[in-house]
Amino acid sequence: MILKHISGNCYKSAVIALSLAAASCSSSDQKNAQQNQPTPVVVQPASLQPAIYYDEYPGNVVALSQVDIKAEVGGYITGIYFKEGDHVRKDQKLYEIDRSKYQASYAQALASVQVAKANELKAQKDADRYIYLSKHDAVAKQTLDHALTDLQNAKSQVASANADLVKARTDLNYSIIKAPFDGVIGISQVKMGTLITAGQTLLNTISTDNPVAVDFVINEKQISRFQQIKSENIPSQDSLFTLRMPDNSLYNLPGKLSVIDRAVDPQTGTIKIRLLFPNPDQALRTGMSCIVRMHSQEKAEQILIPAKAIVEQMGENFVFIAKDTVLNDNNKDKKENAGPILVAEERKVQVGQVIDSNIIIRSGLEQGDKVIVEGIQKLHSGSPISTGRPAPSANAQNAKP
């Protein structure tokens, strides 16, 4: 009975082992079959197309002229004659400082000039009289010398009085602050009655508004390109340079290359470029950030493919293309009508500018190459493929209708 029981257990163990082995072989065969099954992909031929694109650079709007307004004389603000944010004209009256003491100083200086001139006139008459008497030996030489000295002192007093008058007149004029040029004035930093200090207190800032400049930087490798544009003197109505505004809209007027800075920054290897843009409606404001768009000047057609076909690895770019091949001899024996099949081939490419959903291929592809654009996630070089939509995901396969 004990032997019979042991024999029964051995029989059961053998059956279980055979079942596991059969299941393992079946699973392995199924896995191999899945691995050899072509991956469904979507291909698109690489084509030559006109490449219309823009090189973009971050930029800032700057005024061609901008000054901080400060007073040359001190005192209390007694008048403000502009509206903040308005366009002002050159020599337009902006501020007035209490003029009473400057008017008094001017009047005093004017009176001093009149007194000095009267003294000069008296000294001149005395000198003329003594000169006449000296010719007839009717006056001592010393008396004549004193008269001439008094005349010279009187003239010096007149010059000094005139200088004081000019200073008093200048201070009086400086008590009225005017716009130095046409432009937009900002928010006033002082109010009526504010006591300001000469040369220190900031009153306001004024800047030119039409045209305005847009500054941006480029790599030193691009200097020759911009130098050629500047030397060709492309007319302003050309749309070579345009702006993208902060709200992502396009500015409706084109710009023109104005200045290439004198030197390259040795720390960054960049150089500043300045464009000029007309600004009749004051849509461009000083300090505004924007994107400079430089229209491509390449006239030759370029190879374009969908950007999603690019695979980036270790800083390099690759694509998969569908390549025709033939079945090996073993497969020919198994399949009567053996013929060409498709496999994925990895190809290194040099990419250029992105244009919408496409990208320019500088090298690595030729026109007509069948580029795999969908289903590339599980591919490697040599993977068998079939053209069509990508296979559904595991979740989609397991989902019940």
Protein backbone atom coordinates (compact mmCIF):
# COMPACT_ATOMS: atom_id res chain seq x y z
CA MET A 1 0.00 0.00 0.00
CA ILE A 2 2.85 2.40 0.80
CA LEU A 3 4.55 1.70 -2.56
CA LYS A 4 1.32 2.20 -4.41
CA HIS A 5 0.81 5.55 -2.72
CA ILE A 6 4.35 6.68 -3.60
CA SER A 7 3.92 5.56 -7.18
CA GLY A 8 0.70 7.57 -7.44
CA ASN A 9 2.45 10.69 -6.18
CA CYS A 10 5.28 10.27 -8.68
CA TYR A 11 2.76 9.93 -11.45
CA LYS A 12 1.07 13.15 -10.45
CA SER A 13 4.42 14.99 -10.25
CA ALA A 14 5.37 13.79 -13.70
CA VAL A 15 2.07 14.96 -15.13
CA ILE A 16 2.50 18.39 -13.54
CA ALA A 17 6.09 18.69 -14.84
CA LEU A 18 5.02 17.79 -18.36
CA SER A 19 2.19 20.31 -18.20
CA LEU A 20 4.53 23.09 -17.07
CA ALA A 21 7.04 22.24 -19.80
CA ALA A 22 4.31 22.28 -22.44
CA ALA A 23 3.00 25.60 -21.15
CA SER A 24 6.54 27.05 -21.16
CA CYS A 25 7.14 25.94 -24.74
CA SER A 26 3.76 27.31 -25.80
CA SER A 27 4.50 30.65 -24.09
CA SER A 28 7.96 30.84 -25.68
CA ASP A 29 6.56 30.07 -29.12
CA GLN A 30 3.87 32.71 -28.64
CA LYS A 31 6.46 35.28 -27.51
CA ASN A 32 8.71 34.53 -30.49
CA ALA A 33 5.74 34.82 -32.81
CA GLN A 34 4.85 38.22 -31.32
CA GLN A 35 8.48 39.41 -31.68
CA ASN A 36 8.61 38.35 -35.32
CA GLN A 37 5.27 39.98 -36.08
CA PRO A 38 5.78 43.23 -38.09
CA THR A 39 5.09 46.46 -36.20
CA PRO A 40 2.33 48.54 -37.83
CA VAL A 41 3.64 52.01 -38.71
CA VAL A 42 2.72 55.04 -40.80
CA VAL A 43 5.22 56.27 -43.37
CA GLN A 44 5.46 59.52 -45.29
CA PRO A 45 7.89 60.24 -48.12
CA ALA A 46 10.44 63.01 -47.61
CA SER A 47 9.63 65.79 -50.07
CA LEU A 48 11.25 68.94 -51.41
CA GLN A 49 9.15 71.98 -50.55
CA PRO A 50 9.59 75.77 -50.42
CA ALA A 51 10.90 76.45 -46.91
CA ILE A 52 9.32 79.69 -45.69
CA TYR A 53 10.36 80.25 -42.10
CA TYR A 54 11.62 82.87 -39.67
CA ASP A 55 14.65 82.96 -37.42
CA GLU A 56 13.49 84.35 -34.09
CA TYR A 57 15.44 86.37 -31.52
CA PRO A 58 14.27 87.80 -28.16
CA GLY A 59 14.41 91.59 -28.27
CA ASN A 60 13.56 94.74 -26.35
CA VAL A 61 12.10 98.04 -27.48
CA VAL A 62 14.33 101.00 -26.66
CA ALA A 63 14.02 104.71 -27.31
CA LEU A 64 16.49 106.36 -29.66
CA SER A 65 16.73 109.27 -27.18
CA GLN A 66 15.73 109.24 -23.52
CA VAL A 67 16.57 111.67 -20.72
CA ASP A 68 15.73 112.07 -17.05
CA ILE A 69 14.40 115.55 -16.37
CA LYS A 70 16.03 117.30 -13.41
CA ALA A 71 15.96 120.97 -12.47
CA GLU A 72 19.03 123.23 -12.65
CA VAL A 73 17.68 125.36 -9.78
CA GLY A 74 15.95 124.48 -6.54
CA GLY A 75 12.65 125.59 -5.08
CA TYR A 76 8.99 124.69 -4.83
CA ILE A 77 7.02 123.36 -7.81
CA THR A 78 4.38 125.97 -8.64
CA GLY A 79 3.12 124.68 -12.01
CA ILE A 80 2.72 121.45 -14.01
CA TYR A 81 1.69 122.03 -17.63
CA PHE A 82 1.32 118.62 -19.29
CA LYS A 83 -0.77 115.46 -19.11
CA GLU A 84 1.12 112.39 -18.01
CA GLY A 85 1.77 109.91 -20.83
CA ASP A 86 1.08 112.47 -23.57
CA HIS A 87 3.20 113.33 -26.57
CA VAL A 88 5.01 116.61 -25.99
CA ARG A 89 6.80 118.94 -28.40
CA LYS A 90 10.29 120.36 -28.17
CA ASP A 91 10.46 123.49 -25.91
CA GLN A 92 6.97 122.82 -24.56
CA LYS A 93 6.58 124.13 -21.00
CA LEU A 94 6.49 121.24 -18.51
CA TYR A 95 7.20 122.51 -14.96
CA GLU A 96 7.56 125.83 -13.23
CA ILE A 97 9.59 126.44 -10.06
CA ASP A 98 8.83 129.36 -7.72
CA ARG A 99 10.36 132.29 -9.63
CA SER A 100 10.08 135.09 -7.08
CA LYS A 101 13.62 134.92 -5.72
CA TYR A 102 15.10 134.42 -9.21
CA GLN A 103 13.22 137.44 -10.53
CA ALA A 104 14.52 139.49 -7.60
CA SER A 105 18.08 138.32 -8.26
CA TYR A 106 17.73 139.25 -11.90
CA ALA A 107 16.43 142.72 -11.06
CA GLN A 108 19.31 143.26 -8.61
CA ALA A 109 21.87 142.11 -11.19
CA LEU A 110 20.35 144.42 -13.78
CA ALA A 111 20.61 147.37 -11.41
CA SER A 112 24.22 146.50 -10.64
CA VAL A 113 25.00 146.59 -14.34
CA GLN A 114 23.47 150.04 -14.66
CA VAL A 115 25.50 151.34 -11.69
CA ALA A 116 28.69 149.84 -13.07
CA LYS A 117 28.07 151.40 -16.45
CA ALA A 118 27.49 154.82 -14.84
CA ASN A 119 30.77 154.52 -12.93
CA GLU A 120 32.50 153.50 -16.12
CA LEU A 121 31.11 156.54 -17.92
CA LYS A 122 32.35 158.89 -15.14
CA ALA A 123 35.77 157.24 -15.13
CA GLN A 124 35.95 157.52 -18.89
CA LYS A 125 35.23 161.29 -18.77
CA ASP A 126 37.84 161.83 -16.04
CA ALA A 127 40.42 159.90 -17.98
CA ASP A 128 39.69 161.84 -21.18
CA ARG A 129 40.04 165.17 -19.30
CA TYR A 130 43.39 164.23 -17.73
CA ILE A 131 44.69 162.92 -21.03
CA TYR A 132 43.91 166.29 -22.65
CA LEU A 133 45.56 168.23 -19.79
CA SER A 134 48.55 165.92 -19.87
CA LYS A 135 49.15 166.81 -23.49
CA HIS A 136 49.56 170.48 -22.41
CA ASP A 137 51.58 169.62 -19.31
CA ALA A 138 48.73 170.96 -17.17
CA VAL A 139 48.39 167.93 -14.87
CA ALA A 140 50.73 165.73 -12.93
CA LYS A 141 51.62 162.37 -14.45
CA GLN A 142 50.51 160.58 -11.29
CA THR A 143 47.02 162.06 -11.52
CA LEU A 144 46.68 160.78 -15.09
CA ASP A 145 47.80 157.32 -14.04
CA HIS A 146 45.20 157.22 -11.26
CA ALA A 147 42.48 158.26 -13.70
CA LEU A 148 43.40 155.53 -16.17
CA THR A 149 43.46 152.96 -13.37
CA ASP A 150 39.99 154.04 -12.19
CA LEU A 151 38.72 153.68 -15.78
CA GLN A 152 40.09 150.14 -16.05
CA ASN A 153 38.51 149.19 -12.70
CA ALA A 154 35.19 150.60 -13.84
CA LYS A 155 35.28 148.51 -16.99
CA SER A 156 36.03 145.39 -14.95
CA GLN A 157 33.08 146.15 -12.67
CA VAL A 158 30.83 146.42 -15.72
CA ALA A 159 32.05 143.03 -16.97
CA SER A 160 31.48 141.49 -13.53
CA ALA A 161 28.01 143.00 -13.29
CA ASN A 162 27.14 141.67 -16.76
CA ALA A 163 28.29 138.19 -15.72
CA ASP A 164 26.08 138.34 -12.64
CA LEU A 165 23.21 139.47 -14.87
CA VAL A 166 23.71 136.51 -17.20
CA LYS A 167 23.72 134.10 -14.25
CA ALA A 168 20.59 135.66 -12.79
CA ARG A 169 18.86 135.51 -16.20
CA THR A 170 19.89 131.85 -16.63
CA ASP A 171 18.56 130.89 -13.20
CA LEU A 172 15.32 132.69 -13.99
CA ASN A 173 15.02 130.82 -17.28
CA TYR A 174 15.82 127.51 -15.60
CA SER A 175 12.86 128.01 -13.29
CA ILE A 176 10.77 127.12 -16.37
CA ILE A 177 11.51 123.52 -17.40
CA LYS A 178 10.86 122.70 -21.07
CA ALA A 179 10.88 119.53 -23.17
CA PRO A 180 14.31 118.92 -24.76
CA PHE A 181 12.83 117.16 -27.81
CA ASP A 182 9.62 115.66 -29.20
CA GLY A 183 8.60 112.53 -27.34
CA VAL A 184 6.38 110.87 -24.78
CA ILE A 185 6.55 112.04 -21.17
CA GLY A 186 5.99 109.66 -18.30
CA ILE A 187 4.35 109.84 -14.91
CA SER A 188 5.48 112.86 -12.89
CA GLN A 189 7.65 112.05 -9.89
CA VAL A 190 6.75 115.33 -8.12
CA LYS A 191 3.50 117.12 -7.35
CA MET A 192 2.49 120.73 -6.88
CA GLY A 193 4.30 122.25 -3.91
CA THR A 194 7.13 119.70 -3.84
CA LEU A 195 10.48 121.16 -2.77
CA ILE A 196 13.15 120.02 -5.22
CA THR A 197 16.93 120.16 -5.06
CA ALA A 198 18.90 121.41 -8.03
CA GLY A 199 20.49 118.59 -10.04
CA GLN A 200 19.22 115.84 -7.73
CA THR A 201 15.44 115.53 -7.69
CA LEU A 202 14.06 113.47 -10.61
CA LEU A 203 11.01 115.19 -12.05
CA ASN A 204 10.13 112.95 -14.99
CA THR A 205 11.49 110.98 -17.96
CA ILE A 206 10.92 111.75 -21.61
CA SER A 207 11.77 109.51 -24.58
CA THR A 208 11.35 109.58 -28.33
CA ASP A 209 8.52 107.42 -29.66
CA ASN A 210 8.62 107.49 -33.46
CA PRO A 211 10.64 105.72 -34.72
CA VAL A 212 11.75 103.34 -31.99
CA ALA A 213 14.62 100.88 -31.85
CA VAL A 214 14.53 97.15 -31.11
CA ASP A 215 17.75 95.64 -29.77
CA PHE A 216 18.63 91.94 -29.80
CA VAL A 217 21.80 89.84 -29.79
CA ILE A 218 23.12 87.31 -32.28
CA ASN A 219 25.93 84.78 -32.23
CA GLU A 220 29.21 86.02 -33.63
CA LYS A 221 28.96 83.37 -36.37
CA GLN A 222 26.03 85.28 -37.88
CA ILE A 223 27.78 88.65 -38.17
CA SER A 224 28.64 88.21 -41.85
CA ARG A 225 25.01 87.47 -42.65
CA PHE A 226 23.80 90.68 -41.04
CA GLN A 227 26.70 92.67 -42.47
CA GLN A 228 25.64 91.58 -45.94
CA ILE A 229 22.06 92.68 -45.27
CA LYS A 230 23.26 96.08 -44.09
CA SER A 231 25.54 96.58 -47.09
CA GLU A 232 22.74 95.65 -49.51
CA ASN A 233 20.57 98.40 -47.95
CA ILE A 234 17.26 96.55 -48.26
CA PRO A 235 14.38 99.08 -48.44
CA SER A 236 12.24 99.60 -45.36
CA GLN A 237 9.07 98.33 -47.01
CA ASP A 238 10.66 94.88 -47.31
CA SER A 239 9.32 92.43 -44.73
CA LEU A 240 12.71 90.95 -43.84
CA PHE A 241 12.33 91.98 -40.18
CA THR A 242 9.01 91.78 -38.37
CA LEU A 243 7.95 91.73 -34.71
CA ARG A 244 5.89 89.38 -32.60
CA MET A 245 4.27 91.34 -29.79
CA PRO A 246 4.01 90.17 -26.15
CA ASP A 247 0.40 89.04 -26.80
CA ASN A 248 1.71 86.85 -29.67
CA SER A 249 0.21 89.12 -32.35
CA LEU A 250 2.27 90.43 -35.26
CA TYR A 251 3.22 94.10 -35.49
CA ASN A 252 1.84 95.50 -38.74
CA LEU A 253 4.91 97.49 -39.87
CA PRO A 254 8.30 96.03 -40.92
CA GLY A 255 11.62 97.18 -39.55
CA LYS A 256 15.01 97.98 -41.01
CA LEU A 257 18.52 97.09 -39.90
CA SER A 258 20.11 100.20 -38.39
CA VAL A 259 23.25 99.38 -36.38
CA ILE A 260 25.60 96.47 -35.79
CA ASP A 261 27.40 97.11 -32.52
CA ARG A 262 31.11 97.90 -32.55
CA ALA A 263 32.37 94.85 -30.61
CA VAL A 264 31.59 91.25 -29.67
CA ASP A 265 31.06 90.46 -26.00
CA PRO A 266 34.02 88.16 -25.23
CA GLN A 267 32.17 86.45 -22.37
CA THR A 268 29.09 85.40 -24.37
CA GLY A 269 30.36 85.50 -27.96
CA THR A 270 27.41 87.65 -29.00
CA ILE A 271 26.97 91.07 -30.57
CA LYS A 272 24.07 93.53 -30.36
CA ILE A 273 21.94 94.38 -33.39
CA ARG A 274 19.59 97.38 -33.59
CA LEU A 275 16.53 97.64 -35.84
CA LEU A 276 14.35 100.70 -36.47
CA PHE A 277 10.57 100.41 -36.55
CA PRO A 278 8.06 103.18 -37.36
CA ASN A 279 5.67 103.73 -34.46
CA PRO A 280 2.95 106.18 -35.53
CA ASP A 281 0.31 104.76 -33.16
CA GLN A 282 2.66 104.34 -30.16
CA ALA A 283 1.93 100.59 -30.09
CA LEU A 284 5.60 99.97 -29.23
CA ARG A 285 6.60 101.19 -25.79
CA THR A 286 10.09 101.61 -24.40
CA GLY A 287 11.14 98.56 -22.38
CA MET A 288 8.63 96.22 -24.05
CA SER A 289 9.83 92.67 -24.74
CA CYS A 290 9.17 91.19 -28.16
CA ILE A 291 10.37 88.57 -30.64
CA VAL A 292 12.30 89.68 -33.72
CA ARG A 293 11.36 87.54 -36.74
CA MET A 294 13.91 87.44 -39.56
CA HIS A 295 12.50 86.07 -42.81
CA SER A 296 14.47 83.24 -44.39
CA GLN A 297 16.30 84.27 -47.54
CA GLU A 298 16.88 80.71 -48.76
CA LYS A 299 15.30 80.40 -52.19
CA ALA A 300 16.08 76.71 -52.84
CA GLU A 301 13.54 74.06 -51.83
CA GLN A 302 14.33 72.06 -48.70
CA ILE A 303 13.56 68.50 -47.58
CA LEU A 304 10.71 68.63 -45.05
CA ILE A 305 9.38 65.86 -42.81
CA PRO A 306 7.03 65.90 -39.79
CA ALA A 307 8.92 66.97 -36.67
CA LYS A 308 7.42 64.08 -34.67
CA ALA A 309 9.50 61.64 -36.73
CA ILE A 310 12.74 62.88 -35.12
CA VAL A 311 14.29 60.71 -32.39
CA GLU A 312 16.93 62.45 -30.26
CA GLN A 313 19.68 60.32 -28.70
CA MET A 314 22.74 61.68 -26.87
CA GLY A 315 22.42 65.07 -28.51
CA GLU A 316 22.10 63.63 -32.03
CA ASN A 317 19.02 63.30 -34.21
CA PHE A 318 17.79 60.17 -35.98
CA VAL A 319 14.83 59.04 -38.05
CA PHE A 320 13.56 55.60 -39.05
CA ILE A 321 12.89 54.94 -42.70
CA ALA A 322 11.05 51.99 -44.26
CA LYS A 323 13.55 49.89 -46.19
CA ASP A 324 12.72 47.09 -48.64
CA THR A 325 14.53 43.78 -48.07
CA VAL A 326 14.00 40.08 -49.00
CA LEU A 327 13.21 37.01 -46.94
CA ASN A 328 16.09 34.69 -46.04
CA ASP A 329 16.43 31.17 -47.46
CA ASN A 330 14.70 29.46 -44.51
CA ASN A 331 11.65 31.66 -44.94
CA LYS A 332 11.62 30.93 -48.68
CA ASP A 333 11.34 27.24 -47.93
CA LYS A 334 8.41 27.85 -45.64
CA LYS A 335 6.61 30.34 -47.86
CA GLU A 336 6.02 29.48 -51.48
CA ASN A 337 5.64 33.07 -52.77
CA ALA A 338 8.45 34.72 -50.80
CA GLY A 339 9.08 38.34 -51.71
CA PRO A 340 10.27 41.69 -50.35
CA ILE A 341 9.33 42.82 -46.85
CA LEU A 342 9.78 46.13 -44.99
CA VAL A 343 12.19 46.72 -42.12
CA ALA A 344 13.01 49.87 -40.16
CA GLU A 345 16.41 51.43 -40.80
CA GLU A 346 17.81 54.07 -38.43
CA ARG A 347 19.29 57.10 -40.21
CA LYS A 348 21.30 59.97 -38.63
CA VAL A 349 20.18 63.40 -39.84
CA GLN A 350 21.12 67.07 -39.47
CA VAL A 351 18.05 69.15 -38.71
CA GLY A 352 17.28 72.80 -39.46
CA GLN A 353 14.47 75.19 -38.69
CA VAL A 354 11.10 73.98 -37.38
CA ILE A 355 8.22 75.19 -39.58
CA ASP A 356 4.85 74.64 -37.94
CA SER A 357 4.63 70.83 -37.49
CA ASN A 358 7.45 70.09 -39.96
CA ILE A 359 11.22 70.34 -39.73
CA ILE A 360 13.92 70.99 -42.33
CA ILE A 361 16.43 68.18 -42.89
CA ARG A 362 19.84 69.58 -43.85
CA SER A 363 21.47 66.19 -44.51
CA GLY A 364 20.88 62.48 -44.04
CA LEU A 365 17.75 62.07 -46.17
CA GLU A 366 16.98 62.20 -49.85
CA GLN A 367 13.79 63.07 -51.63
CA GLY A 368 11.42 60.10 -51.67
CA ASP A 369 12.81 58.31 -48.59
CA LYS A 370 9.92 56.70 -46.74
CA VAL A 371 10.10 58.23 -43.27
CA ILE A 372 8.28 56.48 -40.42
CA VAL A 373 6.21 59.15 -38.67
CA GLU A 374 4.05 57.01 -36.33
CA GLY A 375 4.71 53.82 -34.43
CA ILE A 376 8.41 54.49 -33.80
CA GLN A 377 8.31 53.92 -30.03
CA LYS A 378 9.18 50.20 -30.18
CA LEU A 379 11.38 50.23 -33.27
CA HIS A 380 15.07 49.54 -33.61
CA SER A 381 17.21 49.25 -36.70
CA GLY A 382 16.16 46.06 -38.52
CA SER A 383 12.70 45.73 -36.95
CA PRO A 384 10.13 44.25 -39.37
CA ILE A 385 7.31 46.68 -40.06
CA SER A 386 4.07 46.90 -41.95
CA THR A 387 2.57 50.10 -43.26
CA GLY A 388 -0.68 51.15 -41.63
CA ARG A 389 -1.88 52.70 -38.41
CA PRO A 390 0.13 51.97 -35.25
CA ALA A 391 -0.95 48.99 -33.17
CA PRO A 392 -3.44 49.80 -30.37
CA SER A 393 -2.10 50.04 -26.83
CA ALA A 394 -2.37 47.22 -24.29
CA ASN A 395 -5.19 49.02 -22.51
CA ALA A 396 -7.15 49.24 -25.74
CA GLN A 397 -6.60 45.53 -26.45
CA ASN A 398 -7.83 44.48 -23.01
CA ALA A 399 -10.85 46.76 -23.00
CA LYS A 400 -14.23 45.01 -23.26
CA PRO A 401 -16.76 46.28 -25.84
